[in-house]
């Protein structure tokens, strides 16, 4: 048996579990762990500027590729509390990340030592396990259990807290005989699949709602195969966007109160049967349940038993990993002759052809719709988009096109401001050859803008589209209900940058001060050229490039309280062809 420090065993387990990419900030209480990473050499590390940023980088890394688990590392005290927002956003979207924190020595935990906080208790509601390891010999088991939990059932994050003396404890450990624990995921049966298809066969206008569970299960190909076998249109949720290509004949559009297509909402409202796979009936997808459910039969398949019936009781529920369920559904569909859905599919396709919002505005200042039109035309089908929240993200959901799984990477449920920049860096680390394009409003961008320096230091290029209206735009729009525009404007006359015209922060100077490059755009005709120039700079200099687009101050983006009551503030474009963007 080999004698080693507990932290050396932990690092060897990370390597064996194939979790070899870390993001973090060292500190006194976690330095032994860093010394083990340095000594063994098999773990890569990106030094963040803020531990919350490191957690979001780990999220982006995990979300970018099937099987990835990003690791976030920090010291004791505030490093752990800084991670909490990352744990929340990971837990809410079923994303496995491992957070490792340092801690005061065991004997000092109850003495209110410097930076000694019960981070396990704080993190417990947001993790599948949050554990302060009290004995060195328990460290291997804690890490083994962490990976088992992160991968089993509904995926999610884990936090392991390591007291300083526990890290340094000498233990006996044999990595050569270490084995990961078996992963457990519930799986649908053939009988359940046959019942689902029998219920669907009785419907005239069925749709499939594909959630983020399809992406997590790496089962997009199976989803498309099922839809094609059955001739049934697919409605991806925001977290499932990309599970079927936007230009697929059976992609019926997204549904919801905000990040939705006009044709998607119309098709859902015209349907009579909904098969939900790997989704959770999020409120911004459903809107009011009376409208959403009226006249429709629902089947719900989800990996987490407590999700079945949480929002509303389906007519039939199946607890299963989305991939395992789709295997059974595809096999059962191959053995049956489904009803002819040709008329229904053509109706859905006609809605998709004609029900669009206008994007070809030539206004100055620029209207945001034009930005997304030019993004579609410039970046093509292989781009990976990253975004989190706000009018920028909502408009992105309405106007951008996504063609592949994991090419729309979005913090769906938590939506923390500041998430986009570090998450985009994590995505770019996971897929260095990809064109990664992040989308932010000015407020989201300013929250964790310091993380751009990480991209400059470690040569992690990505393109940041910054749509700047110098407003908390979504909150301003929400305040219309209170007849106010209160404390939501970010505009001021910058004494150092009169050229920004009262829009406040000079993002170009800040970005360049952080070691990156920036381009400011005022005219819609300049957008395509700016995007192309940014891509070239990224390739040449290998740093993040920001394209700041100066928008009109006030634009209200379509949304409403129910699927049949969406307010269209701007012009619609019936008969606009999808390929125009």
Protein backbone atom coordinates (compact mmCIF):
# COMPACT_ATOMS: atom_id res chain seq x y z
CA UNK A 1 0.00 0.00 0.00
CA UNK A 2 1.30 3.43 -0.92
CA UNK A 3 1.66 6.05 1.79
CA UNK A 4 0.65 9.59 0.75
CA UNK A 5 -1.11 12.73 1.92
CA UNK A 6 -4.90 12.74 1.70
CA UNK A 7 -4.77 15.52 -0.91
CA UNK A 8 -2.50 13.41 -3.11
CA UNK A 9 -5.13 10.67 -3.04
CA UNK A 10 -7.81 13.22 -3.91
CA UNK A 11 -5.89 14.45 -6.95
CA UNK A 12 -5.22 10.91 -8.16
CA UNK A 13 -8.95 10.20 -7.92
CA UNK A 14 -9.74 13.31 -9.98
CA UNK A 15 -7.44 11.95 -12.66
CA UNK A 16 -8.97 8.46 -12.52
CA UNK A 17 -12.51 9.92 -12.67
CA UNK A 18 -11.43 12.01 -15.70
CA UNK A 19 -12.13 15.33 -13.97
CA UNK A 20 -8.86 16.92 -14.93
CA UNK A 21 -9.87 20.54 -15.60
CA UNK A 22 -10.06 22.85 -12.59
CA UNK A 23 -10.85 26.52 -12.17
CA UNK A 24 -10.09 28.34 -8.97
CA UNK A 25 -8.22 30.70 -6.70
CA UNK A 26 -5.59 29.39 -4.25
CA UNK A 27 -5.40 30.43 -0.61
CA UNK A 28 -3.70 29.41 2.60
CA UNK A 29 -6.27 26.81 3.61
CA UNK A 30 -6.28 25.04 0.23
CA UNK A 31 -2.57 25.30 -0.59
CA UNK A 32 -1.92 21.60 0.22
CA UNK A 33 -4.45 20.63 -2.46
CA UNK A 34 -2.69 22.95 -4.92
CA UNK A 35 0.64 21.41 -3.98
CA UNK A 36 -0.77 17.99 -4.87
CA UNK A 37 -2.03 19.25 -8.23
CA UNK A 38 1.40 20.72 -8.94
CA UNK A 39 3.23 17.56 -7.88
CA UNK A 40 1.16 15.11 -9.92
CA UNK A 41 0.85 17.25 -13.05
CA UNK A 42 -2.26 15.59 -14.46
CA UNK A 43 -4.70 18.33 -13.51
CA UNK A 44 -5.07 21.52 -15.56
CA UNK A 45 -5.93 24.75 -13.76
CA UNK A 46 -7.26 28.14 -14.83
CA UNK A 47 -6.73 30.95 -12.31
CA UNK A 48 -9.95 32.94 -11.97
CA UNK A 49 -10.24 36.51 -10.70
CA UNK A 50 -13.25 35.70 -8.49
CA UNK A 51 -14.30 32.37 -7.02
CA UNK A 52 -17.89 32.81 -8.21
CA UNK A 53 -16.40 33.24 -11.67
CA UNK A 54 -14.46 30.00 -11.21
CA UNK A 55 -17.68 28.16 -10.33
CA UNK A 56 -19.38 29.46 -13.47
CA UNK A 57 -16.33 28.49 -15.54
CA UNK A 58 -16.71 24.96 -14.17
CA UNK A 59 -20.39 25.06 -15.16
CA UNK A 60 -19.58 26.18 -18.69
CA UNK A 61 -16.97 23.45 -18.97
CA UNK A 62 -19.43 20.77 -17.86
CA UNK A 63 -22.25 22.01 -20.06
CA UNK A 64 -20.08 22.08 -23.19
CA UNK A 65 -19.44 18.34 -23.58
CA UNK A 66 -21.18 15.14 -22.51
CA UNK A 67 -19.30 13.48 -19.66
CA UNK A 68 -17.42 16.60 -18.55
CA UNK A 69 -17.32 17.51 -14.87
CA UNK A 70 -15.78 20.89 -14.14
CA UNK A 71 -14.00 21.37 -10.83
CA UNK A 72 -13.92 24.64 -8.87
CA UNK A 73 -11.31 25.09 -6.12
CA UNK A 74 -11.10 27.75 -3.43
CA UNK A 75 -9.84 28.42 0.04
CA UNK A 76 -11.77 28.63 3.31
CA UNK A 77 -14.44 31.12 4.31
CA UNK A 78 -15.52 33.53 1.56
CA UNK A 79 -14.27 31.30 -1.25
CA UNK A 80 -16.95 28.79 -0.36
CA UNK A 81 -19.65 31.40 0.05
CA UNK A 82 -18.60 32.89 -3.30
CA UNK A 83 -19.29 29.49 -4.87
CA UNK A 84 -22.88 29.38 -3.68
CA UNK A 85 -24.36 31.13 -6.72
CA UNK A 86 -22.50 28.67 -8.95
CA UNK A 87 -23.84 25.76 -6.92
CA UNK A 88 -27.35 27.18 -7.18
CA UNK A 89 -27.24 27.61 -10.95
CA UNK A 90 -25.69 24.16 -11.41
CA UNK A 91 -28.23 22.46 -9.15
CA UNK A 92 -31.18 24.22 -10.78
CA UNK A 93 -30.17 23.07 -14.27
CA UNK A 94 -28.97 19.57 -13.26
CA UNK A 95 -25.31 20.29 -13.98
CA UNK A 96 -22.61 18.27 -12.17
CA UNK A 97 -19.71 20.36 -10.90
CA UNK A 98 -17.38 19.56 -8.02
CA UNK A 99 -16.45 22.37 -5.64
CA UNK A 100 -13.47 21.79 -3.35
CA UNK A 101 -12.82 24.19 -0.49
CA UNK A 102 -10.14 24.50 2.16
CA UNK A 103 -11.10 24.80 5.80
CA UNK A 104 -9.62 25.64 9.19
CA UNK A 105 -8.10 22.68 11.09
CA UNK A 106 -10.62 20.32 12.65
CA UNK A 107 -9.79 21.35 16.20
CA UNK A 108 -10.44 25.00 15.32
CA UNK A 109 -13.82 24.63 13.59
CA UNK A 110 -15.84 25.53 16.68
CA UNK A 111 -13.59 28.41 17.77
CA UNK A 112 -14.62 30.97 15.13
CA UNK A 113 -11.17 30.85 13.59
CA UNK A 114 -10.25 33.18 10.76
CA UNK A 115 -12.35 32.26 7.68
CA UNK A 116 -13.80 29.21 9.44
CA UNK A 117 -17.40 28.90 8.31
CA UNK A 118 -19.69 25.87 8.14
CA UNK A 119 -19.76 25.88 4.34
CA UNK A 120 -21.19 22.35 4.22
CA UNK A 121 -24.31 23.52 6.06
CA UNK A 122 -24.59 26.60 3.86
CA UNK A 123 -24.22 24.60 0.63
CA UNK A 124 -26.33 21.59 1.62
CA UNK A 125 -29.66 22.78 0.12
CA UNK A 126 -27.98 23.42 -3.25
CA UNK A 127 -25.96 20.23 -3.65
CA UNK A 128 -26.37 16.48 -3.85
CA UNK A 129 -23.77 16.27 -1.09
CA UNK A 130 -21.96 18.91 0.95
CA UNK A 131 -19.43 17.39 3.30
CA UNK A 132 -16.67 18.60 5.60
CA UNK A 133 -14.29 15.63 5.78
CA UNK A 134 -13.12 15.17 9.34
CA UNK A 135 -10.62 12.32 8.92
CA UNK A 136 -7.86 11.98 6.36
CA UNK A 137 -8.69 8.33 5.71
CA UNK A 138 -12.20 9.39 4.62
CA UNK A 139 -10.99 11.62 1.79
CA UNK A 140 -10.86 8.89 -0.92
CA UNK A 141 -14.34 7.70 -0.06
CA UNK A 142 -15.70 11.23 -0.05
CA UNK A 143 -14.38 11.90 -3.57
CA UNK A 144 -15.55 8.49 -4.80
CA UNK A 145 -19.04 9.16 -3.45
CA UNK A 146 -19.02 12.65 -4.94
CA UNK A 147 -18.56 11.35 -8.48
CA UNK A 148 -21.14 8.62 -7.92
CA UNK A 149 -23.73 11.16 -6.79
CA UNK A 150 -22.95 13.74 -9.47
CA UNK A 151 -23.51 11.16 -12.21
CA UNK A 152 -26.39 9.15 -10.74
CA UNK A 153 -30.06 10.05 -11.02
CA UNK A 154 -30.67 13.73 -11.64
CA UNK A 155 -27.17 15.18 -12.13
CA UNK A 156 -26.05 17.94 -9.83
CA UNK A 157 -23.18 19.55 -7.93
CA UNK A 158 -21.23 18.40 -4.88
CA UNK A 159 -19.09 20.36 -2.42
CA UNK A 160 -16.21 18.75 -0.48
CA UNK A 161 -14.70 20.82 2.32
CA UNK A 162 -11.19 19.84 3.44
CA UNK A 163 -9.77 21.06 6.76
CA UNK A 164 -6.11 21.98 6.53
CA UNK A 165 -4.90 19.19 8.80
CA UNK A 166 -7.07 16.62 7.03
CA UNK A 167 -5.46 17.55 3.71
CA UNK A 168 -2.00 16.94 5.17
CA UNK A 169 -2.81 13.67 6.95
CA UNK A 170 -0.75 10.70 5.75
CA UNK A 171 -2.95 7.80 4.63
CA UNK A 172 -2.58 4.47 2.85
CA UNK A 173 -4.10 4.53 -0.64
CA UNK A 174 -3.76 2.41 -3.77
CA UNK A 175 -4.89 4.23 -6.92
CA UNK A 176 -4.11 1.20 -9.08
CA UNK A 177 -7.06 -0.71 -7.64
CA UNK A 178 -9.40 2.27 -7.34
CA UNK A 179 -12.69 1.86 -9.21
CA UNK A 180 -15.43 4.47 -9.71
CA UNK A 181 -18.71 3.48 -8.11
CA UNK A 182 -21.43 2.23 -10.48
CA UNK A 183 -23.71 4.96 -11.81
CA UNK A 184 -27.44 4.51 -11.28
CA UNK A 185 -30.01 6.04 -13.60
CA UNK A 186 -33.64 4.87 -13.72
CA UNK A 187 -34.69 3.44 -17.08
CA UNK A 188 -38.09 3.15 -18.73
CA UNK A 189 -39.39 -0.32 -19.63
CA UNK A 190 -40.70 -1.52 -22.97
CA UNK A 191 -44.19 -1.74 -21.49
CA UNK A 192 -44.04 1.91 -20.43
CA UNK A 193 -42.83 2.96 -23.87
CA UNK A 194 -45.63 1.03 -25.56
CA UNK A 195 -48.21 2.69 -23.29
CA UNK A 196 -46.85 6.15 -24.15
CA UNK A 197 -47.04 5.43 -27.88
CA UNK A 198 -50.53 3.97 -27.54
CA UNK A 199 -51.71 7.14 -25.82
CA UNK A 200 -50.07 9.26 -28.52
CA UNK A 201 -51.67 7.17 -31.28
CA UNK A 202 -55.10 8.24 -30.04
CA UNK A 203 -54.21 11.92 -30.49
CA UNK A 204 -54.70 13.91 -33.68
CA UNK A 205 -52.22 16.71 -33.04
CA UNK A 206 -49.38 15.48 -30.79
CA UNK A 207 -46.12 17.27 -29.98
CA UNK A 208 -42.97 16.26 -28.12
CA UNK A 209 -41.52 18.75 -25.60
CA UNK A 210 -37.78 18.09 -25.32
CA UNK A 211 -36.10 19.43 -22.18
CA UNK A 212 -32.57 19.80 -20.93
CA UNK A 213 -32.60 16.17 -19.79
CA UNK A 214 -32.31 15.16 -23.45
CA UNK A 215 -29.14 17.28 -23.71
CA UNK A 216 -27.75 15.96 -20.41
CA UNK A 217 -28.33 12.37 -21.58
CA UNK A 218 -26.57 13.07 -24.89
CA UNK A 219 -29.70 11.72 -26.56
CA UNK A 220 -30.51 14.33 -29.22
CA UNK A 221 -30.01 11.86 -32.08
CA UNK A 222 -32.51 9.48 -30.49
CA UNK A 223 -34.99 12.31 -30.04
CA UNK A 224 -34.79 13.25 -33.72
CA UNK A 225 -35.09 9.59 -34.74
CA UNK A 226 -38.22 9.18 -32.61
CA UNK A 227 -39.80 12.31 -34.06
CA UNK A 228 -39.07 11.11 -37.60
CA UNK A 229 -40.38 7.60 -36.95
CA UNK A 230 -43.63 8.97 -35.52
CA UNK A 231 -43.95 12.07 -37.71
CA UNK A 232 -44.49 14.20 -34.58
CA UNK A 233 -43.30 17.84 -34.25
CA UNK A 234 -40.81 18.70 -31.50
CA UNK A 235 -40.91 21.73 -29.21
CA UNK A 236 -37.57 22.17 -27.41
CA UNK A 237 -37.51 24.02 -24.13
CA UNK A 238 -34.92 26.74 -23.60
CA UNK A 239 -32.65 24.17 -21.92
CA UNK A 240 -33.37 21.65 -24.67
CA UNK A 241 -32.75 24.07 -27.54
CA UNK A 242 -30.49 22.41 -30.09
CA UNK A 243 -31.74 18.89 -29.39
CA UNK A 244 -33.36 19.12 -32.83
CA UNK A 245 -31.91 21.50 -35.45
CA UNK A 246 -33.85 24.72 -35.94
CA UNK A 247 -34.14 23.99 -39.67
CA UNK A 248 -35.44 20.43 -39.22
CA UNK A 249 -38.93 20.00 -40.75
CA UNK A 250 -40.23 18.69 -37.40
CA UNK A 251 -38.76 21.48 -35.25
CA UNK A 252 -41.96 23.29 -34.31
CA UNK A 253 -40.48 26.23 -32.39
CA UNK A 254 -39.93 27.11 -28.75
CA UNK A 255 -42.84 27.80 -26.43
CA UNK A 256 -43.08 30.21 -23.55
CA UNK A 257 -43.77 33.63 -22.17
CA UNK A 258 -40.43 35.12 -23.21
CA UNK A 259 -37.85 32.95 -25.00
CA UNK A 260 -40.35 31.62 -27.52
CA UNK A 261 -41.36 31.75 -31.15
CA UNK A 262 -44.75 32.94 -32.32
CA UNK A 263 -45.12 29.74 -34.32
CA UNK A 264 -44.08 27.60 -31.34
CA UNK A 265 -46.76 29.04 -29.07
CA UNK A 266 -49.37 28.72 -31.82
CA UNK A 267 -48.51 25.06 -32.38
CA UNK A 268 -48.63 24.17 -28.69
CA UNK A 269 -52.03 25.85 -28.39
CA UNK A 270 -53.27 23.87 -31.41
CA UNK A 271 -52.03 20.51 -30.06
CA UNK A 272 -54.05 17.89 -28.22
CA UNK A 273 -51.27 15.68 -26.78
CA UNK A 274 -47.91 16.61 -25.19
CA UNK A 275 -45.11 14.16 -24.47
CA UNK A 276 -42.56 15.86 -22.21
CA UNK A 277 -39.11 14.25 -22.03
CA UNK A 278 -36.46 15.49 -19.62
CA UNK A 279 -38.30 18.74 -18.91
CA UNK A 280 -39.75 20.22 -15.74
CA UNK A 281 -42.66 22.39 -16.96
CA UNK A 282 -40.86 25.59 -15.98
CA UNK A 283 -43.23 28.50 -15.39
CA UNK A 284 -41.70 30.67 -18.13
CA UNK A 285 -42.33 27.83 -20.55
CA UNK A 286 -45.91 27.06 -19.50
CA UNK A 287 -47.27 30.40 -18.39
CA UNK A 288 -50.67 29.98 -16.77
CA UNK A 289 -51.42 26.29 -16.41
CA UNK A 290 -55.10 26.68 -17.28
CA UNK A 291 -54.19 27.89 -20.77
CA UNK A 292 -51.24 25.53 -21.15
CA UNK A 293 -53.15 22.37 -20.17
CA UNK A 294 -56.57 23.09 -21.64
CA UNK A 295 -57.73 20.34 -24.04
CA UNK A 296 -54.46 18.42 -23.95
CA UNK A 297 -53.31 15.04 -22.63
CA UNK A 298 -49.88 15.05 -20.95
CA UNK A 299 -47.22 12.38 -20.52
CA UNK A 300 -44.16 13.30 -18.48
CA UNK A 301 -40.84 11.41 -18.52
CA UNK A 302 -38.14 12.60 -16.12
CA UNK A 303 -35.15 11.12 -14.33
CA UNK A 304 -36.16 12.60 -10.96
CA UNK A 305 -39.21 10.91 -9.35
CA UNK A 306 -40.23 14.04 -7.43
CA UNK A 307 -40.50 16.04 -10.66
CA UNK A 308 -43.45 13.93 -11.80
CA UNK A 309 -46.53 15.84 -10.65
CA UNK A 310 -44.55 18.70 -9.09
CA UNK A 311 -46.02 21.42 -11.32
CA UNK A 312 -49.15 19.56 -12.42
CA UNK A 313 -50.31 15.94 -12.48
CA UNK A 314 -49.71 14.38 -15.91
CA UNK A 315 -52.08 11.82 -17.36
CA UNK A 316 -49.18 9.36 -17.29
CA UNK A 317 -45.73 9.65 -15.74
CA UNK A 318 -42.54 7.64 -16.25
CA UNK A 319 -39.41 7.94 -14.12
CA UNK A 320 -36.48 7.46 -16.46
CA UNK A 321 -33.28 8.92 -17.79
CA UNK A 322 -34.21 10.66 -21.03
CA UNK A 323 -31.73 8.63 -23.06
CA UNK A 324 -32.92 5.32 -21.67
CA UNK A 325 -36.55 6.30 -22.30
CA UNK A 326 -35.79 7.33 -25.87
CA UNK A 327 -34.07 4.00 -26.56
CA UNK A 328 -37.25 2.19 -25.52
CA UNK A 329 -39.52 4.61 -27.38
CA UNK A 330 -37.50 4.33 -30.59
CA UNK A 331 -37.45 0.51 -30.40
CA UNK A 332 -41.20 0.43 -29.76
CA UNK A 333 -41.86 2.95 -32.56
CA UNK A 334 -39.93 0.81 -35.04
CA UNK A 335 -42.27 -2.08 -34.25
CA UNK A 336 -45.46 -0.11 -34.87
CA UNK A 337 -47.13 1.68 -37.76
CA UNK A 338 -47.87 5.18 -36.49
CA UNK A 339 -50.86 7.17 -37.72
CA UNK A 340 -50.29 9.46 -40.69
CA UNK A 341 -49.48 12.90 -39.23
CA UNK A 342 -48.90 14.60 -42.59
CA UNK A 343 -51.70 17.14 -42.33
CA UNK A 344 -50.74 18.14 -38.79
CA UNK A 345 -47.06 18.45 -39.68
CA UNK A 346 -47.87 20.67 -42.67
CA UNK A 347 -49.98 22.92 -40.45
CA UNK A 348 -47.03 23.28 -38.05
CA UNK A 349 -44.65 23.97 -40.91
CA UNK A 350 -46.94 26.66 -42.31
CA UNK A 351 -46.99 28.42 -38.93
CA UNK A 352 -43.21 28.16 -38.83
CA UNK A 353 -42.98 29.66 -42.32
CA UNK A 354 -45.23 32.62 -41.68
CA UNK A 355 -45.33 33.58 -37.99
CA UNK A 356 -42.19 35.65 -37.43
CA UNK A 357 -41.15 38.86 -35.79
CA UNK A 358 -39.45 41.51 -37.85
CA UNK A 359 -35.65 41.80 -37.65
CA UNK A 360 -34.57 43.91 -40.65
CA UNK A 361 -34.64 47.31 -38.95
CA UNK A 362 -32.24 50.01 -40.17
CA UNK A 363 -32.76 52.34 -37.20
CA UNK A 364 -29.99 54.33 -35.56
CA UNK A 365 -29.45 53.82 -32.65
CA UNK A 366 -29.63 50.13 -33.52
CA UNK A 367 -32.68 48.06 -32.67
CA UNK A 368 -31.66 44.79 -30.98
CA UNK A 369 -33.60 42.62 -33.43
CA UNK A 370 -31.16 43.60 -36.18
CA UNK A 371 -28.21 42.44 -34.07
CA UNK A 372 -29.57 38.88 -33.91
CA UNK A 373 -30.32 38.86 -37.63
CA UNK A 374 -26.68 39.70 -38.35
CA UNK A 375 -25.46 37.14 -35.81
CA UNK A 376 -27.41 34.41 -37.62
CA UNK A 377 -26.00 35.44 -40.97
CA UNK A 378 -22.39 35.73 -39.76
CA UNK A 379 -21.85 32.86 -37.35
CA UNK A 380 -23.59 30.00 -39.15
CA UNK A 381 -24.58 26.60 -37.81
CA UNK A 382 -21.50 25.58 -35.83
CA UNK A 383 -21.41 28.49 -33.38
CA UNK A 384 -21.78 27.87 -29.65
CA UNK A 385 -23.90 30.56 -27.98
CA UNK A 386 -23.63 31.33 -24.24
CA UNK A 387 -26.07 33.59 -22.37
CA UNK A 388 -27.85 33.90 -19.04
CA UNK A 389 -30.67 36.43 -18.52
CA UNK A 390 -32.18 39.77 -19.46
CA UNK A 391 -33.77 41.26 -22.55
CA UNK A 392 -30.63 40.34 -24.49
CA UNK A 393 -31.08 36.65 -23.70
CA UNK A 394 -34.85 36.74 -24.21
CA UNK A 395 -34.46 38.36 -27.62
CA UNK A 396 -31.71 35.84 -28.38
CA UNK A 397 -34.18 33.05 -27.69
CA UNK A 398 -36.68 34.65 -30.04
CA UNK A 399 -34.35 35.50 -32.93
CA UNK A 400 -31.20 33.35 -32.93
CA UNK A 401 -31.00 29.90 -34.54
CA UNK A 402 -29.45 26.84 -32.91
CA UNK A 403 -28.69 23.65 -34.80
CA UNK A 404 -26.81 21.32 -32.45
CA UNK A 405 -27.04 20.12 -28.84
CA UNK A 406 -24.88 22.07 -26.39
CA UNK A 407 -24.69 24.95 -28.85
CA UNK A 408 -27.08 27.03 -26.75
CA UNK A 409 -25.55 27.10 -23.27
CA UNK A 410 -27.78 28.99 -20.92
CA UNK A 411 -28.23 29.28 -17.17
CA UNK A 412 -31.96 28.63 -17.34
CA UNK A 413 -33.45 28.54 -13.87
CA UNK A 414 -31.18 30.66 -11.66
CA UNK A 415 -30.18 33.29 -14.23
CA UNK A 416 -27.49 35.09 -12.20
CA UNK A 417 -26.18 38.31 -13.66
CA UNK A 418 -22.48 38.00 -14.45
CA UNK A 419 -22.72 34.32 -15.42
CA UNK A 420 -22.09 34.77 -19.12
CA UNK A 421 -18.44 35.87 -19.24
CA UNK A 422 -16.98 33.13 -16.98
CA UNK A 423 -19.29 30.45 -18.40
CA UNK A 424 -18.18 31.34 -21.92
CA UNK A 425 -14.57 30.96 -20.82
CA UNK A 426 -15.38 27.50 -19.45
CA UNK A 427 -17.04 26.53 -22.73
CA UNK A 428 -14.04 27.76 -24.70
CA UNK A 429 -11.69 25.73 -22.49
CA UNK A 430 -13.81 22.63 -23.10
CA UNK A 431 -13.91 23.15 -26.87
CA UNK A 432 -10.90 25.25 -27.91
CA UNK A 433 -11.60 24.88 -31.63
CA UNK A 434 -15.20 26.11 -31.41
CA UNK A 435 -16.47 29.56 -32.25
CA UNK A 436 -17.89 30.58 -28.87
CA UNK A 437 -20.14 33.64 -28.94
CA UNK A 438 -21.46 35.04 -25.67
CA UNK A 439 -24.46 37.35 -25.50
CA UNK A 440 -24.90 39.91 -22.72
CA UNK A 441 -26.59 43.15 -21.91
CA UNK A 442 -24.44 45.82 -20.32
CA UNK A 443 -25.49 45.01 -16.75
CA UNK A 444 -24.78 41.27 -16.98
CA UNK A 445 -21.47 42.12 -18.64
CA UNK A 446 -20.38 44.50 -15.86
CA UNK A 447 -21.09 42.02 -13.05
CA UNK A 448 -18.02 39.82 -13.67
CA UNK A 449 -16.15 41.80 -16.28
CA UNK A 450 -12.85 41.15 -14.48
CA UNK A 451 -12.92 37.54 -15.71
CA UNK A 452 -12.01 38.80 -19.19
CA UNK A 453 -8.45 39.06 -17.87
CA UNK A 454 -8.50 35.28 -17.42
CA UNK A 455 -9.12 34.90 -21.14
CA UNK A 456 -6.25 37.26 -21.88
CA UNK A 457 -3.84 35.55 -19.49
CA UNK A 458 -4.59 31.98 -20.57
CA UNK A 459 -5.28 32.73 -24.25
CA UNK A 460 -8.92 31.65 -24.23
CA UNK A 461 -10.50 33.44 -27.18
CA UNK A 462 -14.24 33.93 -27.50
CA UNK A 463 -16.47 36.64 -28.96
CA UNK A 464 -18.61 38.67 -26.57
CA UNK A 465 -21.59 40.41 -28.14
CA UNK A 466 -22.43 43.25 -25.76
CA UNK A 467 -25.78 44.87 -26.55
CA UNK A 468 -25.67 48.16 -24.66
CA UNK A 469 -28.80 50.16 -23.96
CA UNK A 470 -27.40 51.48 -20.66
CA UNK A 471 -30.42 50.08 -18.84
CA UNK A 472 -31.53 47.20 -16.68
CA UNK A 473 -33.75 46.53 -19.65
CA UNK A 474 -35.81 43.59 -18.43
CA UNK A 475 -36.49 45.25 -15.08
CA UNK A 476 -37.37 48.53 -16.79
CA UNK A 477 -39.87 46.65 -18.95
CA UNK A 478 -41.31 44.89 -15.89
CA UNK A 479 -41.66 48.24 -14.10
CA UNK A 480 -44.18 49.33 -16.73
CA UNK A 481 -46.73 47.44 -14.64
CA UNK A 482 -46.02 49.92 -11.82
CA UNK A 483 -45.97 52.95 -14.12
CA UNK A 484 -42.38 53.73 -13.23
CA UNK A 485 -38.85 53.80 -14.55
CA UNK A 486 -37.04 53.81 -11.22
CA UNK A 487 -33.37 53.10 -10.46
CA UNK A 488 -32.87 51.05 -13.62
CA UNK A 489 -30.92 53.46 -15.82
CA UNK A 490 -27.16 52.98 -16.07
CA UNK A 491 -26.62 56.10 -18.16
CA UNK A 492 -24.43 59.01 -17.07
CA UNK A 493 -22.06 61.50 -18.67
CA UNK A 494 -18.63 59.90 -18.37
CA UNK A 495 -16.11 62.70 -17.79
CA UNK A 496 -13.37 60.48 -19.19
CA UNK A 497 -15.26 59.32 -22.27
CA UNK A 498 -17.57 61.92 -23.81
CA UNK A 499 -17.50 59.79 -26.97
CA UNK A 500 -19.85 57.24 -25.40
CA UNK A 501 -22.60 59.85 -25.61
CA UNK A 502 -24.09 59.58 -22.14
CA UNK A 503 -24.19 55.77 -22.09
CA UNK A 504 -21.95 55.74 -19.01
CA UNK A 505 -19.25 53.09 -18.79
CA UNK A 506 -16.63 53.09 -21.54
CA UNK A 507 -16.58 49.35 -22.08
CA UNK A 508 -13.92 49.58 -24.79
CA UNK A 509 -11.39 51.12 -22.42
CA UNK A 510 -12.22 48.69 -19.63
CA UNK A 511 -11.96 45.68 -21.93
CA UNK A 512 -8.65 46.84 -23.34
CA UNK A 513 -7.36 47.52 -19.83
CA UNK A 514 -8.05 43.86 -19.05
CA UNK A 515 -5.89 42.72 -21.94
CA UNK A 516 -8.61 42.01 -24.49
CA UNK A 517 -9.81 43.73 -27.66
CA UNK A 518 -13.06 45.62 -28.30
CA UNK A 519 -15.00 47.09 -31.21
CA UNK A 520 -17.85 49.58 -30.80
CA UNK A 521 -20.69 49.63 -33.35
CA UNK A 522 -23.19 52.46 -33.88
CA UNK A 523 -24.67 51.67 -37.31
CA UNK A 524 -26.55 48.48 -38.28
CA UNK A 525 -24.58 48.26 -41.50
CA UNK A 526 -21.39 47.92 -39.45
CA UNK A 527 -22.47 44.80 -37.58
CA UNK A 528 -21.44 42.10 -40.04
CA UNK A 529 -18.03 43.69 -40.58
CA UNK A 530 -17.45 44.04 -36.85
CA UNK A 531 -18.30 40.38 -36.23
CA UNK A 532 -15.96 39.27 -39.01
CA UNK A 533 -13.17 41.50 -37.71
CA UNK A 534 -13.66 40.13 -34.19
CA UNK A 535 -13.34 36.55 -35.42
CA UNK A 536 -10.09 37.43 -37.15
CA UNK A 537 -8.67 39.16 -34.07
CA UNK A 538 -9.59 36.13 -31.95
CA UNK A 539 -7.71 33.86 -34.32
CA UNK A 540 -4.66 36.12 -34.52
CA UNK A 541 -4.29 37.23 -30.88
CA UNK A 542 -6.04 34.39 -28.99
CA UNK A 543 -7.84 36.70 -26.55
CA UNK A 544 -11.52 37.51 -25.95
CA UNK A 545 -12.93 40.14 -28.27
CA UNK A 546 -15.94 42.28 -27.32
CA UNK A 547 -18.26 43.74 -29.94
CA UNK A 548 -20.23 46.47 -28.19
CA UNK A 549 -23.41 47.43 -30.01
CA UNK A 550 -24.96 50.77 -29.02
CA UNK A 551 -28.69 50.11 -28.96
CA UNK A 552 -31.65 52.41 -28.72
CA UNK A 553 -32.29 53.05 -25.04
CA UNK A 554 -35.79 51.55 -24.89
CA UNK A 555 -37.01 48.45 -26.71
CA UNK A 556 -39.80 46.30 -25.33
CA UNK A 557 -39.42 42.62 -26.23
CA UNK A 558 -42.48 40.41 -26.79
CA UNK A 559 -43.77 38.65 -23.67
CA UNK A 560 -46.93 38.05 -21.68
CA UNK A 561 -48.57 36.15 -18.83
CA UNK A 562 -50.16 33.35 -20.89
CA UNK A 563 -49.32 31.63 -24.16
CA UNK A 564 -52.43 33.09 -25.76
CA UNK A 565 -51.75 36.61 -24.46
CA UNK A 566 -48.26 37.53 -25.64
CA UNK A 567 -47.89 41.25 -26.29
CA UNK A 568 -46.03 42.06 -29.51
CA UNK A 569 -44.49 45.48 -28.90
CA UNK A 570 -42.72 45.58 -32.26
CA UNK A 571 -43.74 44.80 -35.81
CA UNK A 572 -44.34 41.20 -36.77
CA UNK A 573 -43.35 39.85 -40.15
CA UNK A 574 -45.91 37.34 -41.36
CA UNK A 575 -44.55 35.49 -44.38
CA UNK A 576 -40.93 36.26 -43.43
CA UNK A 577 -38.87 33.25 -44.41
CA UNK A 578 -36.90 31.58 -41.62
CA UNK A 579 -33.62 31.69 -43.55
CA UNK A 580 -33.63 35.49 -43.47
CA UNK A 581 -32.78 35.30 -39.78
